[in-house]
């Protein structure tokens, strides 16, 4: 586990390109970053393991093979505890950031009220991250150096893909705890696919993704309890031939949820995902018809 400072904004994310992109797919992993900036570690009252509870651990490793299957892959290098890419850029928490926030900040969303805005105030169990408030100029600098560049690059990848194929599909990859403070009962669903209730992706494409996972033996739900966040909502524009879905994988399938290290099931899940994404790449690429292609 690295805990290096990230001073250069260009190092805040990594893009892996296929030798030749021959599929209209972009995969993203915005919550699996494991390089913890010194700034965060020194200002937090929590130990590293607690901070890691906000990660989607090793999701980047579960999907990095897609590059060999003809799709591009973008991942964050910094952790969600430092800044959450699946939030609006200025979804800011007045309980955390001082002094008064600018009028353009969204301070009233449910996510902000729950302590999980663009810069999270708490971790998964509700523990406060910081010893003292974050100064507004420092918060804005994080957004400018980390949030905006990631989404600008993702937009570029999607538009280039659409130009090449006539349409583009973003699969935004995450993991979900098998139980949470909100859902007291264990979450037994293996895969949750979110398309913002059909607003971020054409239903027929969502159906292809769901059926591919189901035919591989996974239980699947659509939009419950996760319908997708800022990434899918912001980038998914089916009317412009850019589609986006969020894929949540139950951590019980691959992770020790106490230590946040890979379980013995990791390699088995990885092997299944290699087969699933290969099938998806073919099936989704074949979906380029008049209803999906840009005019």
C-alpha atoms as a PDB file:
ATOM      1  CA  UNK A   1       0.000   0.000   0.000  1.00  0.00           C
ATOM      2  CA  UNK A   2       1.519   3.280  -1.117  1.00  0.00           C
ATOM      3  CA  UNK A   3       0.952   6.554   0.682  1.00  0.00           C
ATOM      4  CA  UNK A   4       2.792   8.918  -1.621  1.00  0.00           C
ATOM      5  CA  UNK A   5       1.909  12.543  -2.276  1.00  0.00           C
ATOM      6  CA  UNK A   6       0.354  13.270  -5.648  1.00  0.00           C
ATOM      7  CA  UNK A   7       1.643  16.703  -6.602  1.00  0.00           C
ATOM      8  CA  UNK A   8       1.248  16.416 -10.378  1.00  0.00           C
ATOM      9  CA  UNK A   9      -2.403  16.397 -11.520  1.00  0.00           C
ATOM     10  CA  UNK A  10      -1.452  14.252 -14.523  1.00  0.00           C
ATOM     11  CA  UNK A  11      -0.613  11.418 -12.130  1.00  0.00           C
ATOM     12  CA  UNK A  12      -4.024  11.402 -10.483  1.00  0.00           C
ATOM     13  CA  UNK A  13      -5.425   8.930 -13.010  1.00  0.00           C
ATOM     14  CA  UNK A  14      -4.164   6.341 -15.460  1.00  0.00           C
ATOM     15  CA  UNK A  15      -5.548   5.506 -18.883  1.00  0.00           C
ATOM     16  CA  UNK A  16      -4.735   2.153 -20.431  1.00  0.00           C
ATOM     17  CA  UNK A  17      -5.250   2.007 -24.170  1.00  0.00           C
ATOM     18  CA  UNK A  18      -5.647  -1.157 -26.243  1.00  0.00           C
ATOM     19  CA  UNK A  19      -3.160  -1.698 -29.042  1.00  0.00           C
ATOM     20  CA  UNK A  20      -6.079  -0.965 -31.346  1.00  0.00           C
ATOM     21  CA  UNK A  21      -9.461   0.022 -29.919  1.00  0.00           C
ATOM     22  CA  UNK A  22     -11.866  -2.230 -31.811  1.00  0.00           C
ATOM     23  CA  UNK A  23     -14.779  -2.046 -29.377  1.00  0.00           C
ATOM     24  CA  UNK A  24     -17.032   0.958 -28.587  1.00  0.00           C
ATOM     25  CA  UNK A  25     -16.404   0.469 -24.841  1.00  0.00           C
ATOM     26  CA  UNK A  26     -14.764   2.473 -22.091  1.00  0.00           C
ATOM     27  CA  UNK A  27     -14.350   0.955 -18.620  1.00  0.00           C
ATOM     28  CA  UNK A  28     -13.742   3.188 -15.604  1.00  0.00           C
ATOM     29  CA  UNK A  29     -12.826   2.607 -11.966  1.00  0.00           C
ATOM     30  CA  UNK A  30     -13.122   5.871 -10.012  1.00  0.00           C
ATOM     31  CA  UNK A  31     -13.058   4.427  -6.475  1.00  0.00           C
ATOM     32  CA  UNK A  32     -10.208   1.897  -6.478  1.00  0.00           C
ATOM     33  CA  UNK A  33      -7.310   4.343  -6.039  1.00  0.00           C
ATOM     34  CA  UNK A  34      -4.823   3.207  -3.393  1.00  0.00           C
ATOM     35  CA  UNK A  35      -2.195   5.981  -3.377  1.00  0.00           C
ATOM     36  CA  UNK A  36      -2.989   7.963  -0.244  1.00  0.00           C
ATOM     37  CA  UNK A  37      -1.692  11.561  -0.373  1.00  0.00           C
ATOM     38  CA  UNK A  38       0.443  12.618   2.580  1.00  0.00           C
ATOM     39  CA  UNK A  39      -1.905  15.586   2.973  1.00  0.00           C
ATOM     40  CA  UNK A  40      -4.782  13.219   3.741  1.00  0.00           C
ATOM     41  CA  UNK A  41      -2.843  10.932   6.071  1.00  0.00           C
ATOM     42  CA  UNK A  42      -1.475  13.845   8.113  1.00  0.00           C
ATOM     43  CA  UNK A  43      -4.823  15.628   8.454  1.00  0.00           C
ATOM     44  CA  UNK A  44      -6.918  12.552   9.234  1.00  0.00           C
ATOM     45  CA  UNK A  45      -7.655  11.248  12.713  1.00  0.00           C
ATOM     46  CA  UNK A  46      -8.177   7.754  11.269  1.00  0.00           C
ATOM     47  CA  UNK A  47      -5.780   4.939  10.501  1.00  0.00           C
ATOM     48  CA  UNK A  48      -5.270   3.791   6.942  1.00  0.00           C
ATOM     49  CA  UNK A  49      -7.481   0.706   7.296  1.00  0.00           C
ATOM     50  CA  UNK A  50     -10.440   2.860   8.311  1.00  0.00           C
ATOM     51  CA  UNK A  51      -9.858   5.221   5.389  1.00  0.00           C
ATOM     52  CA  UNK A  52      -9.836   2.234   3.060  1.00  0.00           C
ATOM     53  CA  UNK A  53     -13.450   1.448   3.936  1.00  0.00           C
ATOM     54  CA  UNK A  54     -14.492   4.003   1.310  1.00  0.00           C
ATOM     55  CA  UNK A  55     -12.502   2.248  -1.436  1.00  0.00           C
ATOM     56  CA  UNK A  56     -13.791  -0.137  -4.033  1.00  0.00           C
ATOM     57  CA  UNK A  57     -10.797  -2.371  -3.320  1.00  0.00           C
ATOM     58  CA  UNK A  58      -9.014  -3.915  -6.333  1.00  0.00           C
ATOM     59  CA  UNK A  59     -11.853  -3.236  -8.751  1.00  0.00           C
ATOM     60  CA  UNK A  60      -9.216  -1.880 -11.111  1.00  0.00           C
ATOM     61  CA  UNK A  61      -7.483  -5.276 -11.070  1.00  0.00           C
ATOM     62  CA  UNK A  62     -10.771  -7.082 -11.659  1.00  0.00           C
ATOM     63  CA  UNK A  63     -11.283  -5.182 -14.926  1.00  0.00           C
ATOM     64  CA  UNK A  64      -7.847  -4.191 -16.225  1.00  0.00           C
ATOM     65  CA  UNK A  65      -7.887  -7.112 -18.697  1.00  0.00           C
ATOM     66  CA  UNK A  66     -10.449  -5.290 -20.861  1.00  0.00           C
ATOM     67  CA  UNK A  67      -7.568  -3.492 -22.581  1.00  0.00           C
ATOM     68  CA  UNK A  68      -6.542  -6.803 -24.189  1.00  0.00           C
ATOM     69  CA  UNK A  69     -10.136  -7.181 -25.400  1.00  0.00           C
ATOM     70  CA  UNK A  70     -10.104  -3.936 -27.379  1.00  0.00           C
ATOM     71  CA  UNK A  71     -11.559  -1.471 -24.829  1.00  0.00           C
ATOM     72  CA  UNK A  72      -9.965   1.523 -23.114  1.00  0.00           C
ATOM     73  CA  UNK A  73      -9.717   1.657 -19.306  1.00  0.00           C
ATOM     74  CA  UNK A  74      -9.410   4.692 -17.018  1.00  0.00           C
ATOM     75  CA  UNK A  75      -8.835   4.476 -13.282  1.00  0.00           C
ATOM     76  CA  UNK A  76      -8.208   6.906 -10.440  1.00  0.00           C
ATOM     77  CA  UNK A  77      -4.930   6.565  -8.547  1.00  0.00           C
ATOM     78  CA  UNK A  78      -6.017   8.580  -5.501  1.00  0.00           C
ATOM     79  CA  UNK A  79      -8.541   7.274  -2.943  1.00  0.00           C
ATOM     80  CA  UNK A  80     -12.187   8.113  -2.562  1.00  0.00           C
ATOM     81  CA  UNK A  81     -11.505   9.280   1.004  1.00  0.00           C
ATOM     82  CA  UNK A  82      -9.565  12.195  -0.519  1.00  0.00           C
ATOM     83  CA  UNK A  83     -12.078  13.097  -3.225  1.00  0.00           C
ATOM     84  CA  UNK A  84     -15.079  11.294  -4.679  1.00  0.00           C
ATOM     85  CA  UNK A  85     -15.237  11.284  -8.474  1.00  0.00           C
ATOM     86  CA  UNK A  86     -18.784   9.916  -8.392  1.00  0.00           C
ATOM     87  CA  UNK A  87     -20.131  13.187  -7.006  1.00  0.00           C
ATOM     88  CA  UNK A  88     -20.772  16.537  -8.622  1.00  0.00           C
ATOM     89  CA  UNK A  89     -17.581  18.630  -8.626  1.00  0.00           C
ATOM     90  CA  UNK A  90     -18.944  21.099  -6.068  1.00  0.00           C
ATOM     91  CA  UNK A  91     -21.143  18.893  -3.872  1.00  0.00           C
ATOM     92  CA  UNK A  92     -19.542  20.409  -0.786  1.00  0.00           C
ATOM     93  CA  UNK A  93     -20.187  19.888   2.912  1.00  0.00           C
ATOM     94  CA  UNK A  94     -20.562  23.043   5.057  1.00  0.00           C
ATOM     95  CA  UNK A  95     -19.795  20.941   8.150  1.00  0.00           C
ATOM     96  CA  UNK A  96     -16.361  20.150   6.752  1.00  0.00           C
ATOM     97  CA  UNK A  97     -15.236  23.091   4.643  1.00  0.00           C
ATOM     98  CA  UNK A  98     -14.561  26.590   6.005  1.00  0.00           C
ATOM     99  CA  UNK A  99     -15.269  29.493   5.607  1.00  0.00           C
ATOM    100  CA  UNK A 100     -18.638  29.970   3.897  1.00  0.00           C
ATOM    101  CA  UNK A 101     -19.067  28.037   0.682  1.00  0.00           C
ATOM    102  CA  UNK A 102     -19.669  29.761  -2.669  1.00  0.00           C
ATOM    103  CA  UNK A 103     -23.252  30.116  -3.852  1.00  0.00           C
ATOM    104  CA  UNK A 104     -22.691  27.664  -6.710  1.00  0.00           C
ATOM    105  CA  UNK A 105     -21.862  24.830  -4.306  1.00  0.00           C
ATOM    106  CA  UNK A 106     -24.486  22.125  -3.833  1.00  0.00           C
ATOM    107  CA  UNK A 107     -24.673  21.948  -0.046  1.00  0.00           C
ATOM    108  CA  UNK A 108     -28.096  20.367   0.320  1.00  0.00           C
ATOM    109  CA  UNK A 109     -27.922  17.054  -1.502  1.00  0.00           C
ATOM    110  CA  UNK A 110     -28.715  13.903   0.453  1.00  0.00           C
ATOM    111  CA  UNK A 111     -25.152  12.755  -0.101  1.00  0.00           C
ATOM    112  CA  UNK A 112     -23.728  15.906   1.452  1.00  0.00           C
ATOM    113  CA  UNK A 113     -26.131  15.660   4.378  1.00  0.00           C
ATOM    114  CA  UNK A 114     -24.940  12.088   4.884  1.00  0.00           C
ATOM    115  CA  UNK A 115     -21.304  13.216   5.028  1.00  0.00           C
ATOM    116  CA  UNK A 116     -20.378  11.756   1.633  1.00  0.00           C
ATOM    117  CA  UNK A 117     -20.028  14.748  -0.651  1.00  0.00           C
ATOM    118  CA  UNK A 118     -17.275  15.448  -3.163  1.00  0.00           C
ATOM    119  CA  UNK A 119     -14.811  15.557  -0.276  1.00  0.00           C
ATOM    120  CA  UNK A 120     -16.134  12.991   2.217  1.00  0.00           C
ATOM    121  CA  UNK A 121     -16.483  14.017   5.851  1.00  0.00           C
ATOM    122  CA  UNK A 122     -16.925  10.465   7.168  1.00  0.00           C
ATOM    123  CA  UNK A 123     -16.008   6.877   6.312  1.00  0.00           C
ATOM    124  CA  UNK A 124     -18.307   3.880   5.958  1.00  0.00           C
ATOM    125  CA  UNK A 125     -19.024   3.418   9.672  1.00  0.00           C
ATOM    126  CA  UNK A 126     -19.713   7.124  10.244  1.00  0.00           C
ATOM    127  CA  UNK A 127     -16.344   8.011  11.791  1.00  0.00           C
ATOM    128  CA  UNK A 128     -15.159  11.548  11.039  1.00  0.00           C
ATOM    129  CA  UNK A 129     -12.101  11.666   8.782  1.00  0.00           C
ATOM    130  CA  UNK A 130     -10.548  15.025   9.664  1.00  0.00           C
ATOM    131  CA  UNK A 131      -9.214  16.608  12.837  1.00  0.00           C
ATOM    132  CA  UNK A 132     -10.239  20.104  11.732  1.00  0.00           C
ATOM    133  CA  UNK A 133     -12.134  21.761   8.877  1.00  0.00           C
ATOM    134  CA  UNK A 134     -10.659  21.994   5.386  1.00  0.00           C
ATOM    135  CA  UNK A 135     -10.043  25.520   4.124  1.00  0.00           C
ATOM    136  CA  UNK A 136     -12.116  26.423   1.064  1.00  0.00           C
ATOM    137  CA  UNK A 137      -9.092  27.230  -1.177  1.00  0.00           C
ATOM    138  CA  UNK A 138      -7.631  23.787  -0.403  1.00  0.00           C
ATOM    139  CA  UNK A 139     -10.949  22.086  -1.197  1.00  0.00           C
ATOM    140  CA  UNK A 140     -11.251  23.945  -4.502  1.00  0.00           C
ATOM    141  CA  UNK A 141      -7.669  23.008  -5.379  1.00  0.00           C
ATOM    142  CA  UNK A 142      -8.508  19.320  -4.942  1.00  0.00           C
ATOM    143  CA  UNK A 143     -11.452  19.683  -7.294  1.00  0.00           C
ATOM    144  CA  UNK A 144      -9.382  21.519  -9.902  1.00  0.00           C
ATOM    145  CA  UNK A 145      -6.456  19.081  -9.732  1.00  0.00           C
ATOM    146  CA  UNK A 146      -8.280  15.776  -9.307  1.00  0.00           C
ATOM    147  CA  UNK A 147     -11.983  15.880 -10.174  1.00  0.00           C
ATOM    148  CA  UNK A 148     -12.061  18.088 -13.261  1.00  0.00           C
ATOM    149  CA  UNK A 149      -9.118  16.440 -15.097  1.00  0.00           C
ATOM    150  CA  UNK A 150     -10.534  12.930 -14.622  1.00  0.00           C
ATOM    151  CA  UNK A 151     -13.922  13.809 -16.028  1.00  0.00           C
ATOM    152  CA  UNK A 152     -12.423  15.858 -18.840  1.00  0.00           C
ATOM    153  CA  UNK A 153     -10.355  12.839 -19.882  1.00  0.00           C
ATOM    154  CA  UNK A 154     -13.320  10.488 -19.589  1.00  0.00           C
ATOM    155  CA  UNK A 155     -15.384  12.820 -21.773  1.00  0.00           C
ATOM    156  CA  UNK A 156     -12.589  12.886 -24.329  1.00  0.00           C
ATOM    157  CA  UNK A 157     -12.395   9.088 -24.409  1.00  0.00           C
ATOM    158  CA  UNK A 158     -16.139   8.758 -24.887  1.00  0.00           C
ATOM    159  CA  UNK A 159     -16.333  11.327 -27.664  1.00  0.00           C
ATOM    160  CA  UNK A 160     -13.394   9.789 -29.532  1.00  0.00           C
ATOM    161  CA  UNK A 161     -15.016   6.372 -29.224  1.00  0.00           C
ATOM    162  CA  UNK A 162     -18.333   7.687 -30.514  1.00  0.00           C
ATOM    163  CA  UNK A 163     -16.558   9.330 -33.447  1.00  0.00           C
ATOM    164  CA  UNK A 164     -14.930   6.004 -34.312  1.00  0.00           C
ATOM    165  CA  UNK A 165     -17.896   3.653 -33.872  1.00  0.00           C
ATOM    166  CA  UNK A 166     -20.994   5.848 -34.066  1.00  0.00           C
ATOM    167  CA  UNK A 167     -21.790   5.243 -30.390  1.00  0.00           C
ATOM    168  CA  UNK A 168     -19.949   4.697 -27.108  1.00  0.00           C
ATOM    169  CA  UNK A 169     -20.716   2.715 -23.956  1.00  0.00           C
ATOM    170  CA  UNK A 170     -19.212   3.468 -20.551  1.00  0.00           C
ATOM    171  CA  UNK A 171     -19.133   0.712 -17.922  1.00  0.00           C
ATOM    172  CA  UNK A 172     -18.394   2.386 -14.594  1.00  0.00           C
ATOM    173  CA  UNK A 173     -17.081  -0.307 -12.243  1.00  0.00           C
ATOM    174  CA  UNK A 174     -17.605  -0.377  -8.471  1.00  0.00           C
ATOM    175  CA  UNK A 175     -17.960  -2.764  -5.544  1.00  0.00           C
ATOM    176  CA  UNK A 176     -20.572  -2.853  -2.811  1.00  0.00           C
ATOM    177  CA  UNK A 177     -20.339  -4.139   0.757  1.00  0.00           C
ATOM    178  CA  UNK A 178     -22.330  -7.268   1.479  1.00  0.00           C
ATOM    179  CA  UNK A 179     -23.920  -5.393   4.378  1.00  0.00           C
ATOM    180  CA  UNK A 180     -24.086  -1.681   5.204  1.00  0.00           C
ATOM    181  CA  UNK A 181     -25.350   0.650   7.888  1.00  0.00           C
ATOM    182  CA  UNK A 182     -28.287   1.471   5.613  1.00  0.00           C
ATOM    183  CA  UNK A 183     -29.197  -2.077   4.599  1.00  0.00           C
ATOM    184  CA  UNK A 184     -29.011  -3.999   7.852  1.00  0.00           C
ATOM    185  CA  UNK A 185     -29.631  -7.337   6.185  1.00  0.00           C
ATOM    186  CA  UNK A 186     -26.911  -8.897   4.110  1.00  0.00           C
ATOM    187  CA  UNK A 187     -26.981  -7.909   0.467  1.00  0.00           C
ATOM    188  CA  UNK A 188     -27.189 -11.235  -1.338  1.00  0.00           C
ATOM    189  CA  UNK A 189     -27.341  -9.874  -4.883  1.00  0.00           C
ATOM    190  CA  UNK A 190     -24.094 -10.477  -6.758  1.00  0.00           C
ATOM    191  CA  UNK A 191     -24.332  -7.680  -9.317  1.00  0.00           C
ATOM    192  CA  UNK A 192     -26.305  -4.439  -9.333  1.00  0.00           C
ATOM    193  CA  UNK A 193     -26.534  -2.616 -12.648  1.00  0.00           C
ATOM    194  CA  UNK A 194     -27.498   1.051 -12.576  1.00  0.00           C
ATOM    195  CA  UNK A 195     -28.649   3.089 -15.541  1.00  0.00           C
ATOM    196  CA  UNK A 196     -30.353   5.952 -13.685  1.00  0.00           C
ATOM    197  CA  UNK A 197     -33.718   4.343 -14.369  1.00  0.00           C
ATOM    198  CA  UNK A 198     -33.111   4.165 -18.138  1.00  0.00           C
ATOM    199  CA  UNK A 199     -31.948   7.787 -18.415  1.00  0.00           C
ATOM    200  CA  UNK A 200     -28.203   7.106 -18.843  1.00  0.00           C
ATOM    201  CA  UNK A 201     -28.298   4.071 -21.145  1.00  0.00           C
ATOM    202  CA  UNK A 202     -30.630   2.567 -23.721  1.00  0.00           C
ATOM    203  CA  UNK A 203     -32.670  -0.214 -22.064  1.00  0.00           C
ATOM    204  CA  UNK A 204     -31.697  -2.744 -24.729  1.00  0.00           C
ATOM    205  CA  UNK A 205     -28.008  -2.275 -23.927  1.00  0.00           C
ATOM    206  CA  UNK A 206     -28.681  -2.549 -20.206  1.00  0.00           C
ATOM    207  CA  UNK A 207     -30.574  -5.776 -20.859  1.00  0.00           C
ATOM    208  CA  UNK A 208     -27.599  -7.215 -22.733  1.00  0.00           C
ATOM    209  CA  UNK A 209     -25.309  -6.478 -19.781  1.00  0.00           C
ATOM    210  CA  UNK A 210     -27.748  -7.933 -17.237  1.00  0.00           C
ATOM    211  CA  UNK A 211     -28.391 -11.082 -19.246  1.00  0.00           C
ATOM    212  CA  UNK A 212     -24.688 -11.674 -19.802  1.00  0.00           C
ATOM    213  CA  UNK A 213     -24.036 -11.670 -16.063  1.00  0.00           C
ATOM    214  CA  UNK A 214     -27.108 -13.796 -15.356  1.00  0.00           C
ATOM    215  CA  UNK A 215     -26.120 -16.412 -17.930  1.00  0.00           C
ATOM    216  CA  UNK A 216     -22.740 -16.666 -16.160  1.00  0.00           C
ATOM    217  CA  UNK A 217     -24.442 -17.637 -12.898  1.00  0.00           C
ATOM    218  CA  UNK A 218     -24.669 -14.290 -11.100  1.00  0.00           C
ATOM    219  CA  UNK A 219     -27.769 -12.904  -9.443  1.00  0.00           C
ATOM    220  CA  UNK A 220     -28.524  -9.453 -10.845  1.00  0.00           C
ATOM    221  CA  UNK A 221     -30.711  -6.492  -9.890  1.00  0.00           C
ATOM    222  CA  UNK A 222     -31.336  -3.297 -11.801  1.00  0.00           C
ATOM    223  CA  UNK A 223     -31.087   0.114 -10.082  1.00  0.00           C
ATOM    224  CA  UNK A 224     -31.702  -1.318  -6.584  1.00  0.00           C
ATOM    225  CA  UNK A 225     -30.156  -0.327  -4.290  1.00  0.00           C
ATOM    226  CA  UNK A 226     -27.712   1.543  -6.553  1.00  0.00           C
ATOM    227  CA  UNK A 227     -28.931   3.367  -9.654  1.00  0.00           C
ATOM    228  CA  UNK A 228     -25.635   5.043 -10.528  1.00  0.00           C
ATOM    229  CA  UNK A 229     -23.999   8.280  -9.425  1.00  0.00           C
ATOM    230  CA  UNK A 230     -22.507  11.355 -11.029  1.00  0.00           C
ATOM    231  CA  UNK A 231     -20.394   9.401 -13.520  1.00  0.00           C
ATOM    232  CA  UNK A 232     -23.339   7.698 -15.185  1.00  0.00           C
ATOM    233  CA  UNK A 233     -25.682  10.658 -14.805  1.00  0.00           C
ATOM    234  CA  UNK A 234     -23.189  13.192 -16.177  1.00  0.00           C
ATOM    235  CA  UNK A 235     -21.676  11.177 -19.024  1.00  0.00           C
ATOM    236  CA  UNK A 236     -24.593   8.990 -20.056  1.00  0.00           C
ATOM    237  CA  UNK A 237     -26.417  10.749 -22.906  1.00  0.00           C
ATOM    238  CA  UNK A 238     -28.296   8.092 -24.893  1.00  0.00           C
ATOM    239  CA  UNK A 239     -29.858  10.774 -27.071  1.00  0.00           C
ATOM    240  CA  UNK A 240     -26.306  11.657 -28.156  1.00  0.00           C
ATOM    241  CA  UNK A 241     -25.273   8.005 -28.637  1.00  0.00           C
ATOM    242  CA  UNK A 242     -23.209   7.908 -25.430  1.00  0.00           C
ATOM    243  CA  UNK A 243     -24.473   5.311 -22.966  1.00  0.00           C
ATOM    244  CA  UNK A 244     -23.346   4.766 -19.372  1.00  0.00           C
ATOM    245  CA  UNK A 245     -24.072   2.066 -16.815  1.00  0.00           C
ATOM    246  CA  UNK A 246     -22.767   1.471 -13.317  1.00  0.00           C
ATOM    247  CA  UNK A 247     -21.747  -2.059 -12.349  1.00  0.00           C
ATOM    248  CA  UNK A 248     -21.596  -2.904  -8.637  1.00  0.00           C
ATOM    249  CA  UNK A 249     -19.977  -6.188  -7.564  1.00  0.00           C
ATOM    250  CA  UNK A 250     -20.733  -7.704  -4.162  1.00  0.00           C
ATOM    251  CA  UNK A 251     -17.453  -7.673  -2.211  1.00  0.00           C
ATOM    252  CA  UNK A 252     -18.272 -11.039  -0.722  1.00  0.00           C
ATOM    253  CA  UNK A 253     -17.349 -12.474  -4.128  1.00  0.00           C
ATOM    254  CA  UNK A 254     -13.692 -11.487  -3.899  1.00  0.00           C
ATOM    255  CA  UNK A 255     -12.714  -9.570  -0.745  1.00  0.00           C
ATOM    256  CA  UNK A 256     -11.958 -10.033   2.943  1.00  0.00           C
ATOM    257  CA  UNK A 257     -14.183  -7.213   4.180  1.00  0.00           C
ATOM    258  CA  UNK A 258     -12.316  -6.894   7.482  1.00  0.00           C
ATOM    259  CA  UNK A 259      -8.761  -6.555   6.190  1.00  0.00           C
ATOM    260  CA  UNK A 260      -9.705  -5.157   2.730  1.00  0.00           C
ATOM    261  CA  UNK A 261      -7.372  -7.655   1.102  1.00  0.00           C
ATOM    262  CA  UNK A 262      -8.178 -10.111  -1.669  1.00  0.00           C
ATOM    263  CA  UNK A 263      -9.881 -13.307  -0.565  1.00  0.00           C
ATOM    264  CA  UNK A 264      -9.250 -16.776  -1.977  1.00  0.00           C
ATOM    265  CA  UNK A 265     -12.170 -16.192  -4.332  1.00  0.00           C
ATOM    266  CA  UNK A 266     -10.512 -13.269  -6.123  1.00  0.00           C
ATOM    267  CA  UNK A 267      -8.831 -15.233  -8.910  1.00  0.00           C
ATOM    268  CA  UNK A 268     -11.980 -17.214  -9.623  1.00  0.00           C
ATOM    269  CA  UNK A 269     -14.041 -14.056  -9.994  1.00  0.00           C
ATOM    270  CA  UNK A 270     -11.370 -12.478 -12.157  1.00  0.00           C
ATOM    271  CA  UNK A 271     -11.445 -15.490 -14.507  1.00  0.00           C
ATOM    272  CA  UNK A 272     -15.226 -15.242 -14.812  1.00  0.00           C
ATOM    273  CA  UNK A 273     -15.043 -11.514 -15.523  1.00  0.00           C
ATOM    274  CA  UNK A 274     -12.495 -12.074 -18.278  1.00  0.00           C
ATOM    275  CA  UNK A 275     -15.027 -14.325 -20.032  1.00  0.00           C
ATOM    276  CA  UNK A 276     -17.984 -12.019 -19.311  1.00  0.00           C
ATOM    277  CA  UNK A 277     -16.343  -8.854 -20.621  1.00  0.00           C
ATOM    278  CA  UNK A 278     -15.207 -10.689 -23.759  1.00  0.00           C
ATOM    279  CA  UNK A 279     -18.824 -11.700 -24.422  1.00  0.00           C
ATOM    280  CA  UNK A 280     -20.031  -8.181 -23.608  1.00  0.00           C
ATOM    281  CA  UNK A 281     -17.479  -6.633 -25.943  1.00  0.00           C
ATOM    282  CA  UNK A 282     -18.821  -8.700 -28.838  1.00  0.00           C
ATOM    283  CA  UNK A 283     -22.511  -8.361 -28.014  1.00  0.00           C
ATOM    284  CA  UNK A 284     -22.416  -4.622 -27.339  1.00  0.00           C
ATOM    285  CA  UNK A 285     -20.294  -3.934 -30.413  1.00  0.00           C
ATOM    286  CA  UNK A 286     -22.893  -5.746 -32.521  1.00  0.00           C
ATOM    287  CA  UNK A 287     -25.619  -3.426 -31.166  1.00  0.00           C
ATOM    288  CA  UNK A 288     -24.661  -0.562 -33.464  1.00  0.00           C
ATOM    289  CA  UNK A 289     -27.962  -0.047 -35.255  1.00  0.00           C
ATOM    290  CA  UNK A 290     -29.998   2.988 -36.257  1.00  0.00           C
ATOM    291  CA  UNK A 291     -31.577   3.267 -32.800  1.00  0.00           C
ATOM    292  CA  UNK A 292     -28.192   3.524 -31.069  1.00  0.00           C
ATOM    293  CA  UNK A 293     -25.834   5.137 -33.562  1.00  0.00           C
ATOM    294  CA  UNK A 294     -25.380   8.877 -33.766  1.00  0.00           C
ATOM    295  CA  UNK A 295     -27.107  10.531 -36.712  1.00  0.00           C
END
